[in-house]
C-alpha atoms as a PDB file:
ATOM      1  CA  MET A   1      27.335 -30.516-139.870  1.00  0.00           C
ATOM      2  CA  LYS A   2      23.769 -29.233-140.213  1.00  0.00           C
ATOM      3  CA  GLY A   3      21.889 -31.043-142.944  1.00  0.00           C
ATOM      4  CA  TYR A   4      19.913 -29.628-145.877  1.00  0.00           C
ATOM      5  CA  TYR A   5      16.565 -29.754-144.080  1.00  0.00           C
ATOM      6  CA  GLU A   6      17.991 -28.400-140.837  1.00  0.00           C
ATOM      7  CA  THR A   7      19.332 -25.283-142.546  1.00  0.00           C
ATOM      8  CA  ASN A   8      16.018 -24.937-144.386  1.00  0.00           C
ATOM      9  CA  ASN A   9      14.246 -24.963-141.006  1.00  0.00           C
ATOM     10  CA  LEU A  10      16.576 -22.212-139.747  1.00  0.00           C
ATOM     11  CA  ALA A  11      15.762 -20.123-142.813  1.00  0.00           C
ATOM     12  CA  GLU A  12      12.023 -20.646-142.362  1.00  0.00           C
ATOM     13  CA  GLU A  13      12.276 -19.727-138.671  1.00  0.00           C
ATOM     14  CA  LEU A  14      14.097 -16.518-139.535  1.00  0.00           C
ATOM     15  CA  ARG A  15      11.488 -15.585-142.133  1.00  0.00           C
ATOM     16  CA  ARG A  16       8.744 -16.108-139.530  1.00  0.00           C
ATOM     17  CA  GLU A  17      10.735 -14.079-136.974  1.00  0.00           C
ATOM     18  CA  TRP A  18      10.869 -11.259-139.511  1.00  0.00           C
ATOM     19  CA  GLY A  19       7.137 -11.515-140.259  1.00  0.00           C
ATOM     20  CA  ILE A  20       7.455 -13.060-143.717  1.00  0.00           C
ATOM     21  CA  ASP A  21       5.576 -16.148-144.856  1.00  0.00           C
ATOM     22  CA  ASN A  22       7.514 -19.057-146.312  1.00  0.00           C
ATOM     23  CA  TYR A  23       6.119 -18.726-149.828  1.00  0.00           C
ATOM     24  CA  SER A  24       6.682 -15.123-150.884  1.00  0.00           C
ATOM     25  CA  PRO A  25       9.734 -13.709-152.694  1.00  0.00           C
ATOM     26  CA  ILE A  26      11.846 -11.239-150.719  1.00  0.00           C
ATOM     27  CA  ASP A  27      13.969  -8.189-151.467  1.00  0.00           C
ATOM     28  CA  ILE A  28      16.892  -9.521-149.456  1.00  0.00           C
ATOM     29  CA  PHE A  29      18.927  -6.276-149.281  1.00  0.00           C
ATOM     30  CA  SER A  30      16.005  -4.108-148.168  1.00  0.00           C
ATOM     31  CA  LEU A  31      14.865  -6.768-145.722  1.00  0.00           C
ATOM     32  CA  VAL A  32      18.234  -7.354-144.073  1.00  0.00           C
ATOM     33  CA  THR A  33      19.114  -3.669-143.687  1.00  0.00           C
ATOM     34  CA  ASP A  34      15.671  -3.073-142.155  1.00  0.00           C
ATOM     35  CA  LYS A  35      15.787  -5.981-139.714  1.00  0.00           C
ATOM     36  CA  ILE A  36      19.444  -5.868-138.611  1.00  0.00           C
ATOM     37  CA  ASN A  37      20.268  -2.433-137.221  1.00  0.00           C
ATOM     38  CA  ASN A  38      23.979  -3.031-136.592  1.00  0.00           C
ATOM     39  CA  LEU A  39      24.785  -4.221-140.111  1.00  0.00           C
ATOM     40  CA  THR A  40      26.785  -2.392-142.774  1.00  0.00           C
ATOM     41  CA  ILE A  41      26.981  -3.753-146.327  1.00  0.00           C
ATOM     42  CA  LEU A  42      29.811  -2.723-148.637  1.00  0.00           C
ATOM     43  CA  PHE A  43      29.848  -3.344-152.379  1.00  0.00           C
ATOM     44  CA  HIS A  44      33.293  -3.611-153.942  1.00  0.00           C
ATOM     45  CA  PRO A  45      34.671  -5.188-157.143  1.00  0.00           C
ATOM     46  CA  ILE A  46      37.019  -7.971-156.041  1.00  0.00           C
ATOM     47  CA  ASP A  47      38.480 -11.180-157.445  1.00  0.00           C
ATOM     48  CA  ASN A  48      35.741 -13.067-159.274  1.00  0.00           C
ATOM     49  CA  LYS A  49      36.460 -16.248-157.292  1.00  0.00           C
ATOM     50  CA  ILE A  50      35.440 -14.494-154.069  1.00  0.00           C
ATOM     51  CA  SER A  51      31.721 -13.970-153.495  1.00  0.00           C
ATOM     52  CA  GLY A  52      31.935 -11.972-150.289  1.00  0.00           C
ATOM     53  CA  CYS A  53      33.371 -11.536-146.804  1.00  0.00           C
ATOM     54  CA  CYS A  54      31.960 -10.891-143.367  1.00  0.00           C
ATOM     55  CA  CYS A  55      33.079 -10.081-139.846  1.00  0.00           C
ATOM     56  CA  LYS A  56      31.868  -9.035-136.395  1.00  0.00           C
ATOM     57  CA  TYR A  57      33.638  -6.126-134.732  1.00  0.00           C
ATOM     58  CA  ASP A  58      32.801  -4.326-131.510  1.00  0.00           C
ATOM     59  CA  GLY A  59      29.097  -5.118-131.753  1.00  0.00           C
ATOM     60  CA  GLU A  60      28.901  -4.242-135.446  1.00  0.00           C
ATOM     61  CA  LEU A  61      28.326  -6.613-138.358  1.00  0.00           C
ATOM     62  CA  LEU A  62      30.013  -6.059-141.714  1.00  0.00           C
ATOM     63  CA  ILE A  63      29.376  -7.813-145.020  1.00  0.00           C
ATOM     64  CA  LEU A  64      31.297  -7.162-148.220  1.00  0.00           C
ATOM     65  CA  ILE A  65      29.645  -8.139-151.524  1.00  0.00           C
ATOM     66  CA  ASN A  66      31.483  -8.635-154.820  1.00  0.00           C
ATOM     67  CA  SER A  67      29.854  -6.035-157.083  1.00  0.00           C
ATOM     68  CA  ASN A  68      31.331  -7.741-160.162  1.00  0.00           C
ATOM     69  CA  HIS A  69      28.934 -10.622-159.612  1.00  0.00           C
ATOM     70  CA  SER A  70      25.386 -10.689-160.936  1.00  0.00           C
ATOM     71  CA  LYS A  71      22.470  -9.321-158.950  1.00  0.00           C
ATOM     72  CA  GLY A  72      21.179 -12.848-158.375  1.00  0.00           C
ATOM     73  CA  ARG A  73      24.579 -13.967-157.102  1.00  0.00           C
ATOM     74  CA  GLN A  74      24.767 -10.923-154.812  1.00  0.00           C
ATOM     75  CA  ASN A  75      21.369 -11.802-153.323  1.00  0.00           C
ATOM     76  CA  PHE A  76      22.633 -15.296-152.601  1.00  0.00           C
ATOM     77  CA  THR A  77      25.926 -14.005-151.173  1.00  0.00           C
ATOM     78  CA  LEU A  78      24.159 -11.683-148.737  1.00  0.00           C
ATOM     79  CA  ALA A  79      22.016 -14.556-147.425  1.00  0.00           C
ATOM     80  CA  HIS A  80      25.117 -16.783-147.276  1.00  0.00           C
ATOM     81  CA  GLU A  81      27.150 -14.265-145.246  1.00  0.00           C
ATOM     82  CA  LEU A  82      24.165 -13.684-142.971  1.00  0.00           C
ATOM     83  CA  TYR A  83      24.328 -17.350-141.968  1.00  0.00           C
ATOM     84  CA  HIS A  84      27.969 -17.006-140.921  1.00  0.00           C
ATOM     85  CA  LEU A  85      27.196 -13.934-138.831  1.00  0.00           C
ATOM     86  CA  LYS A  86      23.982 -15.146-137.234  1.00  0.00           C
ATOM     87  CA  TYR A  87      24.608 -18.842-136.610  1.00  0.00           C
ATOM     88  CA  GLU A  88      28.384 -19.160-136.212  1.00  0.00           C
ATOM     89  CA  ASN A  89      30.855 -17.815-133.662  1.00  0.00           C
ATOM     90  CA  ASN A  90      33.615 -16.164-135.633  1.00  0.00           C
ATOM     91  CA  ASN A  91      35.011 -12.719-134.867  1.00  0.00           C
ATOM     92  CA  GLU A  92      37.623 -12.679-137.621  1.00  0.00           C
ATOM     93  CA  TRP A  93      37.241 -11.816-141.294  1.00  0.00           C
ATOM     94  CA  LEU A  94      35.719 -14.766-143.117  1.00  0.00           C
ATOM     95  CA  ILE A  95      36.355 -14.822-146.859  1.00  0.00           C
ATOM     96  CA  CYS A  96      34.008 -16.983-148.939  1.00  0.00           C
ATOM     97  CA  SER A  97      35.277 -18.241-152.292  1.00  0.00           C
ATOM     98  CA  ASP A  98      34.174 -20.718-154.924  1.00  0.00           C
ATOM     99  CA  HIS A  99      36.851 -23.161-153.796  1.00  0.00           C
ATOM    100  CA  ASP A 100      35.639 -23.517-150.207  1.00  0.00           C
ATOM    101  CA  TYR A 101      33.808 -26.818-149.708  1.00  0.00           C
ATOM    102  CA  ASN A 102      33.988 -27.178-145.941  1.00  0.00           C
ATOM    103  CA  ASP A 103      30.943 -27.888-143.769  1.00  0.00           C
ATOM    104  CA  SER A 104      30.484 -24.235-142.827  1.00  0.00           C
ATOM    105  CA  GLU A 105      30.290 -23.153-146.471  1.00  0.00           C
ATOM    106  CA  LYS A 106      27.890 -25.956-147.378  1.00  0.00           C
ATOM    107  CA  GLU A 107      25.613 -24.999-144.509  1.00  0.00           C
ATOM    108  CA  ALA A 108      25.708 -21.314-145.487  1.00  0.00           C
ATOM    109  CA  ASN A 109      24.909 -22.198-149.103  1.00  0.00           C
ATOM    110  CA  ASN A 110      21.926 -24.344-148.129  1.00  0.00           C
ATOM    111  CA  PHE A 111      20.661 -21.673-145.731  1.00  0.00           C
ATOM    112  CA  ALA A 112      20.987 -18.933-148.356  1.00  0.00           C
ATOM    113  CA  SER A 113      19.088 -20.954-150.926  1.00  0.00           C
ATOM    114  CA  SER A 114      16.308 -21.696-148.434  1.00  0.00           C
ATOM    115  CA  LEU A 115      16.081 -18.124-147.166  1.00  0.00           C
ATOM    116  CA  LEU A 116      15.449 -16.900-150.712  1.00  0.00           C
ATOM    117  CA  MET A 117      13.197 -19.839-151.598  1.00  0.00           C
ATOM    118  CA  PRO A 118      12.191 -22.305-148.862  1.00  0.00           C
ATOM    119  CA  ILE A 119      11.440 -25.890-149.834  1.00  0.00           C
ATOM    120  CA  GLY A 120       7.706 -25.324-149.474  1.00  0.00           C
ATOM    121  CA  ALA A 121       7.872 -22.216-151.657  1.00  0.00           C
ATOM    122  CA  LEU A 122       9.369 -24.143-154.560  1.00  0.00           C
ATOM    123  CA  SER A 123       6.729 -26.858-154.259  1.00  0.00           C
ATOM    124  CA  SER A 124       3.963 -24.259-154.009  1.00  0.00           C
ATOM    125  CA  TYR A 125       5.247 -22.356-157.047  1.00  0.00           C
ATOM    126  CA  LYS A 126       5.360 -25.584-159.041  1.00  0.00           C
ATOM    127  CA  ASN A 127       1.772 -26.474-158.131  1.00  0.00           C
ATOM    128  CA  ILE A 128       0.314 -22.992-158.611  1.00  0.00           C
ATOM    129  CA  ASN A 129       1.881 -22.690-162.062  1.00  0.00           C
ATOM    130  CA  GLY A 130       0.985 -26.231-163.113  1.00  0.00           C
ATOM    131  CA  ILE A 131       4.569 -27.184-163.866  1.00  0.00           C
ATOM    132  CA  LYS A 132       4.961 -30.873-164.654  1.00  0.00           C
ATOM    133  CA  ASN A 133       8.354 -30.695-166.362  1.00  0.00           C
ATOM    134  CA  TRP A 134      10.874 -27.948-165.710  1.00  0.00           C
ATOM    135  CA  ASN A 135      11.972 -26.471-169.038  1.00  0.00           C
ATOM    136  CA  LEU A 136      14.258 -23.452-169.394  1.00  0.00           C
ATOM    137  CA  GLU A 137      11.400 -20.957-169.660  1.00  0.00           C
ATOM    138  CA  ASN A 138       9.684 -21.888-166.400  1.00  0.00           C
ATOM    139  CA  ILE A 139      13.064 -22.206-164.670  1.00  0.00           C
ATOM    140  CA  ILE A 140      13.840 -18.591-165.603  1.00  0.00           C
ATOM    141  CA  LYS A 141      10.363 -17.466-164.534  1.00  0.00           C
ATOM    142  CA  CYS A 142      10.828 -19.092-161.150  1.00  0.00           C
ATOM    143  CA  GLU A 143      14.314 -17.710-160.486  1.00  0.00           C
ATOM    144  CA  GLN A 144      13.181 -14.236-161.469  1.00  0.00           C
ATOM    145  CA  PHE A 145      10.169 -14.521-159.166  1.00  0.00           C
ATOM    146  CA  PHE A 146      12.373 -15.477-156.198  1.00  0.00           C
ATOM    147  CA  GLN A 147      15.321 -13.313-157.341  1.00  0.00           C
ATOM    148  CA  MET A 148      17.746 -16.222-157.238  1.00  0.00           C
ATOM    149  CA  SER A 149      20.845 -16.733-159.321  1.00  0.00           C
ATOM    150  CA  HIS A 150      20.486 -19.174-162.191  1.00  0.00           C
ATOM    151  CA  SER A 151      23.064 -21.605-160.820  1.00  0.00           C
ATOM    152  CA  SER A 152      21.349 -21.621-157.404  1.00  0.00           C
ATOM    153  CA  MET A 153      17.988 -22.269-159.020  1.00  0.00           C
ATOM    154  CA  LEU A 154      19.358 -25.193-161.020  1.00  0.00           C
ATOM    155  CA  TYR A 155      21.072 -26.614-157.941  1.00  0.00           C
ATOM    156  CA  ARG A 156      17.803 -26.556-155.987  1.00  0.00           C
ATOM    157  CA  LEU A 157      15.868 -28.201-158.804  1.00  0.00           C
ATOM    158  CA  LYS A 158      18.478 -30.940-159.055  1.00  0.00           C
ATOM    159  CA  LYS A 159      18.560 -31.330-155.261  1.00  0.00           C
ATOM    160  CA  GLU A 160      14.776 -31.782-155.205  1.00  0.00           C
ATOM    161  CA  LYS A 161      15.043 -34.198-158.155  1.00  0.00           C
ATOM    162  CA  TYR A 162      12.951 -31.970-160.417  1.00  0.00           C
ATOM    163  CA  ILE A 163      15.689 -32.010-163.057  1.00  0.00           C
ATOM    164  CA  SER A 164      18.468 -34.465-163.899  1.00  0.00           C
ATOM    165  CA  SER A 165      22.211 -33.847-163.907  1.00  0.00           C
ATOM    166  CA  GLU A 166      22.008 -33.802-167.705  1.00  0.00           C
ATOM    167  CA  ASP A 167      19.349 -31.065-167.581  1.00  0.00           C
ATOM    168  CA  TYR A 168      21.472 -29.133-165.094  1.00  0.00           C
ATOM    169  CA  ASN A 169      24.435 -29.110-167.470  1.00  0.00           C
ATOM    170  CA  LEU A 170      22.223 -28.355-170.470  1.00  0.00           C
ATOM    171  CA  TYR A 171      20.628 -25.270-168.890  1.00  0.00           C
ATOM    172  CA  LEU A 172      23.661 -23.918-167.031  1.00  0.00           C
ATOM    173  CA  ASP A 173      25.509 -21.776-169.586  1.00  0.00           C
ATOM    174  CA  ASN A 174      24.711 -18.566-171.500  1.00  0.00           C
ATOM    175  CA  ILE A 175      21.718 -17.764-169.305  1.00  0.00           C
ATOM    176  CA  LYS A 176      21.679 -14.033-170.022  1.00  0.00           C
ATOM    177  CA  LYS A 177      21.485 -14.604-173.778  1.00  0.00           C
ATOM    178  CA  LYS A 178      18.870 -17.330-173.372  1.00  0.00           C
ATOM    179  CA  ALA A 179      16.751 -15.216-171.012  1.00  0.00           C
ATOM    180  CA  SER A 180      16.877 -12.280-173.409  1.00  0.00           C
ATOM    181  CA  LYS A 181      15.721 -14.438-176.327  1.00  0.00           C
ATOM    182  CA  LEU A 182      12.782 -15.647-174.243  1.00  0.00           C
ATOM    183  CA  GLY A 183      11.765 -12.049-173.504  1.00  0.00           C
ATOM    184  CA  PHE A 184      12.898 -11.821-169.877  1.00  0.00           C
ATOM    185  CA  SER A 185      14.700  -8.956-168.192  1.00  0.00           C
ATOM    186  CA  THR A 186      18.413  -9.646-167.824  1.00  0.00           C
ATOM    187  CA  GLU A 187      18.875  -7.439-164.739  1.00  0.00           C
ATOM    188  CA  LEU A 188      19.148 -10.498-162.485  1.00  0.00           C
ATOM    189  CA  TYR A 189      22.163 -11.691-164.475  1.00  0.00           C
ATOM    190  CA  ASP A 190      24.008  -8.366-164.638  1.00  0.00           C
ATOM    191  CA  PRO A 191      26.694  -7.119-162.218  1.00  0.00           C
ATOM    192  CA  SER A 192      26.293  -3.837-160.382  1.00  0.00           C
ATOM    193  CA  PRO A 193      26.221  -0.826-162.710  1.00  0.00           C
ATOM    194  CA  LYS A 194      29.279   1.428-162.777  1.00  0.00           C
ATOM    195  CA  SER A 195      27.661   3.902-160.376  1.00  0.00           C
ATOM    196  CA  LYS A 196      27.215   1.176-157.734  1.00  0.00           C
ATOM    197  CA  LYS A 197      30.462  -0.777-158.125  1.00  0.00           C
ATOM    198  CA  TYR A 198      31.594   0.993-154.955  1.00  0.00           C
ATOM    199  CA  PHE A 199      28.664   1.538-152.620  1.00  0.00           C
ATOM    200  CA  SER A 200      27.391   0.965-149.092  1.00  0.00           C
ATOM    201  CA  LEU A 201      24.190   0.457-147.144  1.00  0.00           C
ATOM    202  CA  GLY A 202      23.276   0.236-143.496  1.00  0.00           C
ATOM    203  CA  ASN A 203      24.420   1.206-140.054  1.00  0.00           C
ATOM    204  CA  TYR A 204      27.691   3.015-140.772  1.00  0.00           C
ATOM    205  CA  ILE A 205      25.768   5.680-142.661  1.00  0.00           C
ATOM    206  CA  ARG A 206      23.151   6.023-139.909  1.00  0.00           C
ATOM    207  CA  LEU A 207      25.835   6.291-137.227  1.00  0.00           C
ATOM    208  CA  THR A 208      27.723   8.941-139.203  1.00  0.00           C
ATOM    209  CA  GLU A 209      24.612  11.068-139.723  1.00  0.00           C
ATOM    210  CA  GLU A 210      23.631  10.644-136.073  1.00  0.00           C
ATOM    211  CA  ALA A 211      27.086  11.747-134.879  1.00  0.00           C
ATOM    212  CA  PHE A 212      26.843  14.863-137.061  1.00  0.00           C
ATOM    213  CA  ASP A 213      23.309  15.675-135.864  1.00  0.00           C
ATOM    214  CA  LYS A 214      24.534  15.480-132.248  1.00  0.00           C
ATOM    215  CA  ASN A 215      27.485  17.785-133.060  1.00  0.00           C
ATOM    216  CA  LYS A 216      29.998  15.043-132.327  1.00  0.00           C
ATOM    217  CA  ILE A 217      31.710  15.450-135.694  1.00  0.00           C
ATOM    218  CA  SER A 218      32.081  18.359-138.104  1.00  0.00           C
ATOM    219  CA  ILE A 219      30.480  18.463-141.518  1.00  0.00           C
ATOM    220  CA  GLY A 220      33.920  17.992-143.030  1.00  0.00           C
ATOM    221  CA  LYS A 221      34.491  14.840-140.977  1.00  0.00           C
ATOM    222  CA  LYS A 222      31.024  13.581-141.828  1.00  0.00           C
ATOM    223  CA  ASP A 223      31.694  14.025-145.538  1.00  0.00           C
ATOM    224  CA  GLU A 224      35.066  12.326-145.193  1.00  0.00           C
ATOM    225  CA  MET A 225      33.508   9.336-143.428  1.00  0.00           C
ATOM    226  CA  LEU A 226      30.755   8.998-146.015  1.00  0.00           C
ATOM    227  CA  LEU A 227      33.228   9.224-148.881  1.00  0.00           C
ATOM    228  CA  ASP A 228      35.229   6.455-147.199  1.00  0.00           C
ATOM    229  CA  VAL A 229      32.258   4.136-147.786  1.00  0.00           C
ATOM    230  CA  PHE A 230      31.556   5.398-151.319  1.00  0.00           C
ATOM    231  CA  ARG A 231      28.488   7.545-150.620  1.00  0.00           C
ATOM    232  CA  SER A 232      29.344  10.582-152.720  1.00  0.00           C
ATOM    233  CA  ASP A 233      25.637  10.835-153.585  1.00  0.00           C
ATOM    234  CA  ILE A 234      24.953  11.921-149.983  1.00  0.00           C
ATOM    235  CA  VAL A 235      27.981  14.196-149.727  1.00  0.00           C
ATOM    236  CA  TYR A 236      27.293  16.029-152.970  1.00  0.00           C
ATOM    237  CA  ASN A 237      23.498  15.844-152.695  1.00  0.00           C
ATOM    238  CA  LEU A 238      23.116  14.123-156.027  1.00  0.00           C
ATOM    239  CA  ASN A 239      19.676  13.265-157.320  1.00  0.00           C
ATOM    240  CA  GLU A 240      18.974   9.628-158.089  1.00  0.00           C
ATOM    241  CA  ASP A 241      18.811  10.433-161.810  1.00  0.00           C
ATOM    242  CA  ASP A 242      22.275  11.985-161.603  1.00  0.00           C
ATOM    243  CA  PHE A 243      23.809   9.148-159.630  1.00  0.00           C
ATOM    244  CA  PHE A 244      22.282   5.922-160.865  1.00  0.00           C
ATOM    245  CA  GLU A 245      22.522   4.573-164.346  1.00  0.00           C
ATOM    246  CA  GLY A 246      19.349   3.824-166.179  1.00  0.00           C
END
């Protein structure tokens, strides 16, 4: 099994490969769809115990994200599934749930946490912001800066011995309500809006449009294929204001 620091090194190497320093926050969905051309991401509401799934098929990569989970959890899940696809040899569907504690899942969790916030980034943030003791307010500020889920943030702080197990349990619950009372946006703690419960990003859409442009498929087939991956906004030429909830 790869250890905590080994998976952190893999995450830092990938950030450098993608031209990102090891201290800045990232928009993980925009970054991954830009850097991995053969990746398609599907959003779908599934059983709450399942975070996501991934597979490799005929040179294509596919990741499914549970759209019922919070935005922060989805960010973590994408990074987690990326580890399975990039660093493991598995050509079958891999389903990742809360009850999986095998070595592969532990490695993917550590990698995901480090990809979103490398060890050095957490230390740098702490020093720049003059944090001596991690209270709930600066914990929320930090997780919102790095766009991490609250549970992942608390896990990292406990792992680095910045907070105790008692603090972890104290700060774990009712984060959305607590964040709201402290004046923070709660978007990080919300699931996908209704308009994006079923959605897709990435290569499938590009391939479909390319096939249509080269007259390989009809407009009817193109629309059918796009509707199959929940992109009615493209098919019906909806404006963003019409399609997305405010």
